C-alpha atoms as a PDB file:
ATOM      1  CA  MET A   1     167.823  15.839  73.640  1.00  0.00           C
ATOM      2  CA  ALA A   2     171.492  15.852  74.422  1.00  0.00           C
ATOM      3  CA  ALA A   3     171.323  13.367  77.266  1.00  0.00           C
ATOM      4  CA  VAL A   4     169.726  10.750  75.058  1.00  0.00           C
ATOM      5  CA  THR A   5     172.634  10.727  72.632  1.00  0.00           C
ATOM      6  CA  ALA A   6     174.392   8.477  75.132  1.00  0.00           C
ATOM      7  CA  VAL A   7     172.114   5.686  73.979  1.00  0.00           C
ATOM      8  CA  ARG A   8     173.662   5.517  70.518  1.00  0.00           C
ATOM      9  CA  THR A   9     175.194   2.162  69.747  1.00  0.00           C
ATOM     10  CA  THR A  10     178.925   1.979  69.145  1.00  0.00           C
ATOM     11  CA  ASP A  11     180.159  -0.153  66.259  1.00  0.00           C
ATOM     12  CA  THR A  12     180.710  -3.883  66.675  1.00  0.00           C
ATOM     13  CA  ALA A  13     184.511  -3.677  66.794  1.00  0.00           C
ATOM     14  CA  HIS A  14     184.479  -1.142  69.599  1.00  0.00           C
ATOM     15  CA  ARG A  15     181.903  -3.165  71.489  1.00  0.00           C
ATOM     16  CA  ALA A  16     183.981  -6.311  71.228  1.00  0.00           C
ATOM     17  CA  ALA A  17     187.098  -4.534  72.473  1.00  0.00           C
ATOM     18  CA  ALA A  18     185.261  -2.841  75.329  1.00  0.00           C
ATOM     19  CA  ALA A  19     183.510  -6.071  76.346  1.00  0.00           C
ATOM     20  CA  GLU A  20     186.810  -7.906  76.483  1.00  0.00           C
ATOM     21  CA  ASP A  21     188.399  -5.230  78.662  1.00  0.00           C
ATOM     22  CA  THR A  22     185.466  -5.088  81.061  1.00  0.00           C
ATOM     23  CA  LEU A  23     185.160  -8.883  81.432  1.00  0.00           C
ATOM     24  CA  LEU A  24     181.542  -8.524  80.304  1.00  0.00           C
ATOM     25  CA  PRO A  25     179.699 -10.396  77.545  1.00  0.00           C
ATOM     26  CA  GLN A  26     179.692  -8.751  74.137  1.00  0.00           C
ATOM     27  CA  ILE A  27     176.178  -7.633  73.267  1.00  0.00           C
ATOM     28  CA  ASP A  28     175.939  -6.337  69.714  1.00  0.00           C
ATOM     29  CA  GLN A  29     172.207  -5.602  69.744  1.00  0.00           C
ATOM     30  CA  PRO A  30     171.151  -4.648  73.285  1.00  0.00           C
ATOM     31  CA  LEU A  31     167.784  -3.358  72.068  1.00  0.00           C
ATOM     32  CA  LYS A  32     166.777  -6.915  71.149  1.00  0.00           C
ATOM     33  CA  ILE A  33     167.498  -8.360  74.581  1.00  0.00           C
ATOM     34  CA  SER A  34     164.279  -9.599  76.226  1.00  0.00           C
ATOM     35  CA  PRO A  35     163.229  -7.933  79.501  1.00  0.00           C
ATOM     36  CA  LYS A  36     163.822 -11.217  81.373  1.00  0.00           C
ATOM     37  CA  ASP A  37     167.386 -11.568  80.064  1.00  0.00           C
ATOM     38  CA  ALA A  38     167.979  -7.840  80.582  1.00  0.00           C
ATOM     39  CA  ARG A  39     167.299  -8.198  84.316  1.00  0.00           C
ATOM     40  CA  GLU A  40     169.977 -10.872  84.718  1.00  0.00           C
ATOM     41  CA  LEU A  41     172.522  -9.186  82.464  1.00  0.00           C
ATOM     42  CA  SER A  42     171.951  -5.824  84.136  1.00  0.00           C
ATOM     43  CA  ARG A  43     173.215  -7.209  87.446  1.00  0.00           C
ATOM     44  CA  GLN A  44     176.491  -8.232  85.767  1.00  0.00           C
ATOM     45  CA  PHE A  45     176.862  -4.850  84.089  1.00  0.00           C
ATOM     46  CA  PHE A  46     176.096  -2.887  87.264  1.00  0.00           C
ATOM     47  CA  ASP A  47     178.618  -4.995  89.172  1.00  0.00           C
ATOM     48  CA  ARG A  48     181.365  -4.073  86.701  1.00  0.00           C
ATOM     49  CA  LEU A  49     180.200  -0.472  86.195  1.00  0.00           C
ATOM     50  CA  ALA A  50     180.828   0.200  89.876  1.00  0.00           C
ATOM     51  CA  VAL A  51     184.575  -0.473  89.521  1.00  0.00           C
ATOM     52  CA  LEU A  52     185.209   1.002  86.062  1.00  0.00           C
ATOM     53  CA  GLU A  53     186.685   4.466  85.732  1.00  0.00           C
ATOM     54  CA  GLU A  54     184.146   6.959  84.477  1.00  0.00           C
ATOM     55  CA  GLY A  55     184.889   8.347  81.022  1.00  0.00           C
ATOM     56  CA  THR A  56     186.818   5.302  79.771  1.00  0.00           C
ATOM     57  CA  PRO A  57     185.608   3.301  76.739  1.00  0.00           C
ATOM     58  CA  GLU A  58     184.945   0.357  79.042  1.00  0.00           C
ATOM     59  CA  HIS A  59     182.730   2.450  81.331  1.00  0.00           C
ATOM     60  CA  GLN A  60     180.927   3.913  78.333  1.00  0.00           C
ATOM     61  CA  TYR A  61     180.270   0.444  76.902  1.00  0.00           C
ATOM     62  CA  ALA A  62     178.813  -0.853  80.179  1.00  0.00           C
ATOM     63  CA  ARG A  63     176.676   2.234  80.751  1.00  0.00           C
ATOM     64  CA  ASN A  64     175.344   2.515  77.183  1.00  0.00           C
ATOM     65  CA  THR A  65     174.556  -1.203  77.070  1.00  0.00           C
ATOM     66  CA  LEU A  66     172.615  -0.902  80.317  1.00  0.00           C
ATOM     67  CA  ILE A  67     170.616   1.996  78.868  1.00  0.00           C
ATOM     68  CA  GLU A  68     169.765   0.188  75.653  1.00  0.00           C
ATOM     69  CA  MET A  69     168.941  -3.129  77.358  1.00  0.00           C
ATOM     70  CA  ASN A  70     166.475  -1.387  79.660  1.00  0.00           C
ATOM     71  CA  LEU A  71     164.700   0.881  77.189  1.00  0.00           C
ATOM     72  CA  SER A  72     161.761  -1.517  77.431  1.00  0.00           C
ATOM     73  CA  LEU A  73     161.134   0.035  80.871  1.00  0.00           C
ATOM     74  CA  VAL A  74     160.676   3.409  79.190  1.00  0.00           C
ATOM     75  CA  ARG A  75     158.240   1.947  76.672  1.00  0.00           C
ATOM     76  CA  TYR A  76     156.371   0.273  79.535  1.00  0.00           C
ATOM     77  CA  ALA A  77     156.055   3.540  81.476  1.00  0.00           C
ATOM     78  CA  ALA A  78     155.145   5.524  78.360  1.00  0.00           C
ATOM     79  CA  ALA A  79     152.321   3.094  77.493  1.00  0.00           C
ATOM     80  CA  ARG A  80     150.088   4.590  80.187  1.00  0.00           C
ATOM     81  CA  PHE A  81     150.125   7.844  78.207  1.00  0.00           C
ATOM     82  CA  ARG A  82     149.179   6.208  74.896  1.00  0.00           C
ATOM     83  CA  SER A  83     146.179   8.527  74.492  1.00  0.00           C
ATOM     84  CA  ARG A  84     148.600  11.323  73.629  1.00  0.00           C
ATOM     85  CA  SER A  85     149.406  12.330  70.060  1.00  0.00           C
ATOM     86  CA  GLN A  86     152.279  10.743  68.156  1.00  0.00           C
ATOM     87  CA  GLY A  87     154.393  13.854  68.563  1.00  0.00           C
ATOM     88  CA  GLU A  88     153.810  13.911  72.314  1.00  0.00           C
ATOM     89  CA  MET A  89     154.604  10.200  72.599  1.00  0.00           C
ATOM     90  CA  GLU A  90     158.008  10.815  71.025  1.00  0.00           C
ATOM     91  CA  ASP A  91     158.677  13.509  73.621  1.00  0.00           C
ATOM     92  CA  ILE A  92     157.461  11.188  76.380  1.00  0.00           C
ATOM     93  CA  VAL A  93     159.919   8.468  75.325  1.00  0.00           C
ATOM     94  CA  GLN A  94     162.710  11.054  75.166  1.00  0.00           C
ATOM     95  CA  VAL A  95     162.150  12.396  78.670  1.00  0.00           C
ATOM     96  CA  GLY A  96     161.469   8.882  79.965  1.00  0.00           C
ATOM     97  CA  THR A  97     164.898   7.848  78.667  1.00  0.00           C
ATOM     98  CA  ILE A  98     166.435  10.700  80.643  1.00  0.00           C
ATOM     99  CA  GLY A  99     164.776   9.249  83.738  1.00  0.00           C
ATOM    100  CA  LEU A 100     166.229   5.839  82.893  1.00  0.00           C
ATOM    101  CA  ILE A 101     169.717   7.313  82.561  1.00  0.00           C
ATOM    102  CA  LYS A 102     169.389   9.047  85.938  1.00  0.00           C
ATOM    103  CA  ALA A 103     168.306   5.759  87.504  1.00  0.00           C
ATOM    104  CA  ILE A 104     171.299   3.907  86.020  1.00  0.00           C
ATOM    105  CA  ASP A 105     173.726   6.551  87.266  1.00  0.00           C
ATOM    106  CA  ARG A 106     172.309   6.342  90.808  1.00  0.00           C
ATOM    107  CA  PHE A 107     171.632   2.627  91.169  1.00  0.00           C
ATOM    108  CA  GLU A 108     173.772   0.416  93.411  1.00  0.00           C
ATOM    109  CA  LEU A 109     173.508  -3.353  93.771  1.00  0.00           C
ATOM    110  CA  SER A 110     173.957  -2.924  97.509  1.00  0.00           C
ATOM    111  CA  ARG A 111     170.407  -1.534  97.632  1.00  0.00           C
ATOM    112  CA  GLU A 112     169.182  -5.143  97.350  1.00  0.00           C
ATOM    113  CA  VAL A 113     166.291  -4.082  95.139  1.00  0.00           C
ATOM    114  CA  GLU A 114     165.542  -5.006  91.547  1.00  0.00           C
ATOM    115  CA  PHE A 115     166.698  -2.349  89.106  1.00  0.00           C
ATOM    116  CA  THR A 116     163.266  -2.356  87.425  1.00  0.00           C
ATOM    117  CA  SER A 117     161.618  -1.381  90.727  1.00  0.00           C
ATOM    118  CA  PHE A 118     164.212   1.327  91.240  1.00  0.00           C
ATOM    119  CA  ALA A 119     164.086   2.730  87.692  1.00  0.00           C
ATOM    120  CA  VAL A 120     160.360   2.969  86.957  1.00  0.00           C
ATOM    121  CA  PRO A 121     159.692   5.752  89.523  1.00  0.00           C
ATOM    122  CA  TYR A 122     162.556   7.760  88.002  1.00  0.00           C
ATOM    123  CA  ILE A 123     161.133   7.298  84.495  1.00  0.00           C
ATOM    124  CA  VAL A 124     157.547   8.102  85.455  1.00  0.00           C
ATOM    125  CA  GLY A 125     158.708  11.042  87.572  1.00  0.00           C
ATOM    126  CA  GLU A 126     160.581  12.542  84.647  1.00  0.00           C
ATOM    127  CA  ILE A 127     157.532  12.154  82.393  1.00  0.00           C
ATOM    128  CA  LYS A 128     155.221  13.736  84.958  1.00  0.00           C
ATOM    129  CA  ARG A 129     157.649  16.604  85.428  1.00  0.00           C
ATOM    130  CA  PHE A 130     157.593  17.121  81.665  1.00  0.00           C
ATOM    131  CA  PHE A 131     153.794  17.390  81.660  1.00  0.00           C
ATOM    132  CA  ARG A 132     153.795  19.608  84.732  1.00  0.00           C
ATOM    133  CA  ASP A 133     156.223  22.059  83.142  1.00  0.00           C
ATOM    134  CA  THR A 134     154.744  22.106  79.639  1.00  0.00           C
ATOM    135  CA  SER A 135     150.982  21.553  79.951  1.00  0.00           C
ATOM    136  CA  TRP A 136     149.993  24.698  81.825  1.00  0.00           C
ATOM    137  CA  ALA A 137     148.526  27.413  79.602  1.00  0.00           C
ATOM    138  CA  VAL A 138     149.329  30.107  82.190  1.00  0.00           C
ATOM    139  CA  HIS A 139     151.834  30.283  85.008  1.00  0.00           C
ATOM    140  CA  VAL A 140     150.413  28.559  88.086  1.00  0.00           C
ATOM    141  CA  PRO A 141     152.364  28.164  91.367  1.00  0.00           C
ATOM    142  CA  ARG A 142     153.698  24.661  91.953  1.00  0.00           C
ATOM    143  CA  ARG A 143     151.599  24.214  95.132  1.00  0.00           C
ATOM    144  CA  LEU A 144     148.430  24.844  93.106  1.00  0.00           C
ATOM    145  CA  GLN A 145     149.555  22.487  90.351  1.00  0.00           C
ATOM    146  CA  GLU A 146     149.928  19.767  92.978  1.00  0.00           C
ATOM    147  CA  ALA A 147     146.618  20.733  94.610  1.00  0.00           C
ATOM    148  CA  ARG A 148     144.900  20.342  91.239  1.00  0.00           C
ATOM    149  CA  VAL A 149     146.073  16.727  91.035  1.00  0.00           C
ATOM    150  CA  GLU A 150     144.899  15.993  94.585  1.00  0.00           C
ATOM    151  CA  LEU A 151     141.582  17.708  93.875  1.00  0.00           C
ATOM    152  CA  ALA A 152     140.999  15.493  90.842  1.00  0.00           C
ATOM    153  CA  LYS A 153     141.699  12.357  92.903  1.00  0.00           C
ATOM    154  CA  ALA A 154     139.470  13.471  95.772  1.00  0.00           C
ATOM    155  CA  THR A 155     136.642  14.437  93.411  1.00  0.00           C
ATOM    156  CA  GLU A 156     136.721  11.049  91.707  1.00  0.00           C
ATOM    157  CA  GLU A 157     136.852   9.192  95.024  1.00  0.00           C
ATOM    158  CA  LEU A 158     133.881  11.050  96.472  1.00  0.00           C
ATOM    159  CA  ARG A 159     131.903  10.852  93.238  1.00  0.00           C
ATOM    160  CA  THR A 160     132.310   7.068  93.306  1.00  0.00           C
ATOM    161  CA  ARG A 161     131.442   6.850  96.994  1.00  0.00           C
ATOM    162  CA  LEU A 162     128.505   9.283  96.981  1.00  0.00           C
ATOM    163  CA  GLY A 163     127.144   8.721  93.485  1.00  0.00           C
ATOM    164  CA  ARG A 164     127.116  12.475  92.824  1.00  0.00           C
ATOM    165  CA  THR A 165     129.418  15.431  92.444  1.00  0.00           C
ATOM    166  CA  PRO A 166     130.912  16.278  95.866  1.00  0.00           C
ATOM    167  CA  THR A 167     130.450  19.680  97.463  1.00  0.00           C
ATOM    168  CA  THR A 168     133.301  22.036  98.278  1.00  0.00           C
ATOM    169  CA  ARG A 169     132.928  21.269 101.984  1.00  0.00           C
ATOM    170  CA  GLU A 170     133.122  17.499 101.395  1.00  0.00           C
ATOM    171  CA  LEU A 171     136.253  17.960  99.301  1.00  0.00           C
ATOM    172  CA  SER A 172     137.875  20.206 101.896  1.00  0.00           C
ATOM    173  CA  GLU A 173     137.265  17.632 104.628  1.00  0.00           C
ATOM    174  CA  LEU A 174     138.749  14.793 102.573  1.00  0.00           C
ATOM    175  CA  MET A 175     141.762  16.832 101.415  1.00  0.00           C
ATOM    176  CA  CYS A 176     142.308  18.442 104.841  1.00  0.00           C
ATOM    177  CA  LEU A 177     142.215  21.864 103.204  1.00  0.00           C
ATOM    178  CA  SER A 178     140.060  24.916 103.804  1.00  0.00           C
ATOM    179  CA  GLU A 179     137.153  25.531 101.461  1.00  0.00           C
ATOM    180  CA  GLU A 180     138.983  28.614 100.150  1.00  0.00           C
ATOM    181  CA  GLU A 181     141.981  26.459  99.203  1.00  0.00           C
ATOM    182  CA  VAL A 182     139.730  23.977  97.391  1.00  0.00           C
ATOM    183  CA  ILE A 183     138.156  26.821  95.413  1.00  0.00           C
ATOM    184  CA  GLU A 184     141.620  28.163  94.622  1.00  0.00           C
ATOM    185  CA  ALA A 185     142.694  24.720  93.344  1.00  0.00           C
ATOM    186  CA  ARG A 186     139.599  24.602  91.138  1.00  0.00           C
ATOM    187  CA  LYS A 187     140.472  27.960  89.646  1.00  0.00           C
ATOM    188  CA  ALA A 188     144.036  26.762  89.051  1.00  0.00           C
ATOM    189  CA  SER A 189     142.650  23.860  87.000  1.00  0.00           C
ATOM    190  CA  ASN A 190     141.483  26.392  84.435  1.00  0.00           C
ATOM    191  CA  GLY A 191     145.128  27.138  83.688  1.00  0.00           C
ATOM    192  CA  TYR A 192     145.813  23.543  82.669  1.00  0.00           C
ATOM    193  CA  ASN A 193     145.824  23.339  78.880  1.00  0.00           C
ATOM    194  CA  SER A 194     143.942  25.764  76.665  1.00  0.00           C
ATOM    195  CA  SER A 195     141.968  25.503  73.471  1.00  0.00           C
ATOM    196  CA  SER A 196     143.076  27.241  70.315  1.00  0.00           C
ATOM    197  CA  LEU A 197     140.933  30.176  69.218  1.00  0.00           C
ATOM    198  CA  ASP A 198     140.824  28.431  65.850  1.00  0.00           C
ATOM    199  CA  ALA A 199     139.437  25.215  67.370  1.00  0.00           C
ATOM    200  CA  ALA A 200     136.406  24.067  65.383  1.00  0.00           C
ATOM    201  CA  LEU A 201     133.072  23.997  67.188  1.00  0.00           C
ATOM    202  CA  THR A 202     129.743  22.679  65.939  1.00  0.00           C
ATOM    203  CA  ALA A 203     127.470  25.649  65.543  1.00  0.00           C
ATOM    204  CA  ASP A 204     124.241  25.687  67.569  1.00  0.00           C
ATOM    205  CA  GLY A 205     120.871  25.512  65.949  1.00  0.00           C
ATOM    206  CA  GLY A 206     121.533  22.407  63.894  1.00  0.00           C
ATOM    207  CA  ALA A 207     123.653  24.162  61.297  1.00  0.00           C
ATOM    208  CA  ASP A 208     125.759  21.915  59.176  1.00  0.00           C
ATOM    209  CA  GLY A 209     128.712  24.286  59.128  1.00  0.00           C
ATOM    210  CA  GLU A 210     131.334  24.772  61.801  1.00  0.00           C
ATOM    211  CA  ALA A 211     132.348  27.807  63.776  1.00  0.00           C
ATOM    212  CA  VAL A 212     135.557  28.502  65.627  1.00  0.00           C
ATOM    213  CA  LEU A 213     135.961  29.373  69.293  1.00  0.00           C
ATOM    214  CA  ALA A 214     136.934  32.955  68.458  1.00  0.00           C
ATOM    215  CA  ASP A 215     133.456  33.531  66.992  1.00  0.00           C
ATOM    216  CA  PHE A 216     131.923  33.102  70.454  1.00  0.00           C
ATOM    217  CA  ILE A 217     134.248  35.461  72.323  1.00  0.00           C
ATOM    218  CA  GLY A 218     132.799  38.853  73.192  1.00  0.00           C
ATOM    219  CA  GLU A 219     134.317  42.119  72.060  1.00  0.00           C
ATOM    220  CA  GLU A 220     136.654  44.119  74.236  1.00  0.00           C
ATOM    221  CA  ASP A 221     134.820  46.177  76.833  1.00  0.00           C
ATOM    222  CA  PRO A 222     136.620  49.501  77.445  1.00  0.00           C
ATOM    223  CA  SER A 223     134.774  49.832  80.767  1.00  0.00           C
ATOM    224  CA  LEU A 224     136.818  46.939  82.159  1.00  0.00           C
ATOM    225  CA  GLU A 225     139.870  49.190  82.109  1.00  0.00           C
ATOM    226  CA  LEU A 226     138.148  51.384  84.707  1.00  0.00           C
ATOM    227  CA  VAL A 227     138.281  48.550  87.240  1.00  0.00           C
ATOM    228  CA  GLU A 228     142.067  48.774  87.494  1.00  0.00           C
ATOM    229  CA  ASP A 229     141.849  52.572  87.674  1.00  0.00           C
ATOM    230  CA  PHE A 230     139.329  52.384  90.521  1.00  0.00           C
ATOM    231  CA  ASN A 231     141.561  49.983  92.457  1.00  0.00           C
ATOM    232  CA  SER A 232     144.503  52.330  92.015  1.00  0.00           C
ATOM    233  CA  LEU A 233     142.449  55.391  92.972  1.00  0.00           C
ATOM    234  CA  ALA A 234     141.057  53.914  96.186  1.00  0.00           C
ATOM    235  CA  PRO A 235     144.141  54.552  98.381  1.00  0.00           C
ATOM    236  CA  LEU A 236     144.597  58.011  96.835  1.00  0.00           C
ATOM    237  CA  ILE A 237     140.997  58.991  97.536  1.00  0.00           C
ATOM    238  CA  ALA A 238     141.410  57.724 101.099  1.00  0.00           C
ATOM    239  CA  GLU A 239     144.136  60.343 101.586  1.00  0.00           C
ATOM    240  CA  LEU A 240     141.734  63.212 100.748  1.00  0.00           C
ATOM    241  CA  ASP A 241     140.016  65.096 103.533  1.00  0.00           C
ATOM    242  CA  GLU A 242     136.324  64.538 104.256  1.00  0.00           C
ATOM    243  CA  ARG A 243     135.083  67.517 102.181  1.00  0.00           C
ATOM    244  CA  GLN A 244     137.197  66.560  99.169  1.00  0.00           C
ATOM    245  CA  ARG A 245     135.893  62.992  99.279  1.00  0.00           C
ATOM    246  CA  ARG A 246     132.349  64.350  99.546  1.00  0.00           C
ATOM    247  CA  ILE A 247     132.839  66.497  96.456  1.00  0.00           C
ATOM    248  CA  ILE A 248     134.206  63.539  94.467  1.00  0.00           C
ATOM    249  CA  HIS A 249     131.259  61.401  95.554  1.00  0.00           C
ATOM    250  CA  LEU A 250     128.669  64.026  94.646  1.00  0.00           C
ATOM    251  CA  ARG A 251     130.225  64.794  91.272  1.00  0.00           C
ATOM    252  CA  PHE A 252     131.214  61.342  89.979  1.00  0.00           C
ATOM    253  CA  VAL A 253     128.962  58.932  91.891  1.00  0.00           C
ATOM    254  CA  GLU A 254     125.726  60.905  92.271  1.00  0.00           C
ATOM    255  CA  GLU A 255     126.540  62.911  89.118  1.00  0.00           C
ATOM    256  CA  ARG A 256     125.498  66.242  90.628  1.00  0.00           C
ATOM    257  CA  THR A 257     126.229  69.468  88.759  1.00  0.00           C
ATOM    258  CA  GLN A 258     128.756  71.922  90.136  1.00  0.00           C
ATOM    259  CA  ALA A 259     125.949  74.298  90.976  1.00  0.00           C
ATOM    260  CA  GLN A 260     124.097  71.596  92.945  1.00  0.00           C
ATOM    261  CA  ILE A 261     127.284  70.683  94.824  1.00  0.00           C
ATOM    262  CA  GLY A 262     127.916  74.352  95.659  1.00  0.00           C
ATOM    263  CA  GLU A 263     124.380  74.749  96.936  1.00  0.00           C
ATOM    264  CA  GLU A 264     124.714  71.698  99.216  1.00  0.00           C
ATOM    265  CA  LEU A 265     128.120  72.706 100.570  1.00  0.00           C
ATOM    266  CA  GLY A 266     127.309  76.427 100.829  1.00  0.00           C
ATOM    267  CA  ILE A 267     129.996  77.582  98.392  1.00  0.00           C
ATOM    268  CA  SER A 268     129.961  79.076  94.913  1.00  0.00           C
ATOM    269  CA  GLN A 269     129.879  77.051  91.695  1.00  0.00           C
ATOM    270  CA  MET A 270     133.215  78.672  90.726  1.00  0.00           C
ATOM    271  CA  HIS A 271     134.775  77.510  94.002  1.00  0.00           C
ATOM    272  CA  VAL A 272     133.474  73.969  93.385  1.00  0.00           C
ATOM    273  CA  SER A 273     135.022  74.023  89.910  1.00  0.00           C
ATOM    274  CA  ARG A 274     138.423  75.054  91.296  1.00  0.00           C
ATOM    275  CA  LEU A 275     138.239  72.395  94.024  1.00  0.00           C
ATOM    276  CA  ILE A 276     137.354  69.627  91.558  1.00  0.00           C
ATOM    277  CA  THR A 277     140.191  70.695  89.247  1.00  0.00           C
ATOM    278  CA  ARG A 278     142.635  70.685  92.156  1.00  0.00           C
ATOM    279  CA  ILE A 279     141.452  67.256  93.403  1.00  0.00           C
ATOM    280  CA  ILE A 280     141.621  65.672  89.946  1.00  0.00           C
ATOM    281  CA  LYS A 281     145.112  67.080  89.406  1.00  0.00           C
ATOM    282  CA  ARG A 282     146.224  65.536  92.697  1.00  0.00           C
ATOM    283  CA  LEU A 283     144.692  62.151  91.873  1.00  0.00           C
ATOM    284  CA  ARG A 284     146.196  62.140  88.376  1.00  0.00           C
ATOM    285  CA  ALA A 285     149.638  62.892  89.783  1.00  0.00           C
ATOM    286  CA  GLY A 286     149.242  60.009  92.218  1.00  0.00           C
ATOM    287  CA  LEU A 287     148.248  57.602  89.434  1.00  0.00           C
ATOM    288  CA  LEU A 288     151.229  58.591  87.304  1.00  0.00           C
ATOM    289  CA  ASP A 289     153.694  58.288  90.183  1.00  0.00           C
ATOM    290  CA  PRO A 290     155.703  54.994  89.634  1.00  0.00           C
ATOM    291  CA  ALA A 291     156.015  54.652  93.412  1.00  0.00           C
ATOM    292  CA  VAL A 292     152.248  54.214  93.754  1.00  0.00           C
ATOM    293  CA  ALA A 293     151.373  50.517  93.501  1.00  0.00           C
END
């Protein structure tokens, strides 16, 4: 990532010259500074950084040295995510370093707080934002992403307290949400991460071989497409008059013949045929109209 390139160490000669101009100690290997020494040195560097002109070699030396001396904070914050894969850990350190850089750029000694206490929330926040933006398998509104986290905490708290899985009502009372909102948060959890269709699964029945998730997924059901059509037709059918709706119901719900419909309505089978054709033509035009939602 581009922002992390700022961490690159300048050569020894440049460091020596910059250190002399900034009235700061020359530190050739900031990465090897112990966390204890880094805390003391950081105060000196922040004190000088505040008066140096941004963009000058002196400012760059002070800022880059601060970043490198405090990278141990990134490693500390990243350690809580050690269950992740090696590739993910590299990304975590990268985004954590961005959080460190933001903390350095915003820190002021006048805050009278240790830089470590100020920086860690920035680092962890950047890492959590990374997971929030990259771990969802489908797009989920931010409010539901946050509700999912709160739901997980509330579920664990109540499970520990009650010794069983909490009910929706118990969760809603603890979270101060309606039961509908709790259910919605549960559904949102299904959008967090997804398994590959090629993921290996142990086959049932004691077979020694393995199957993949795709083997257990049903085939496409063409009837499901009718659901969307029915939802689109509903407002169009509502616009028909009572007799037209009755004809549609008798023909396509009760599956009456045209002759049976004509007998019930007191009209000819030919008239029923023309009416059905006219109604279907009207409904089809409504479905094809882009203005119809």
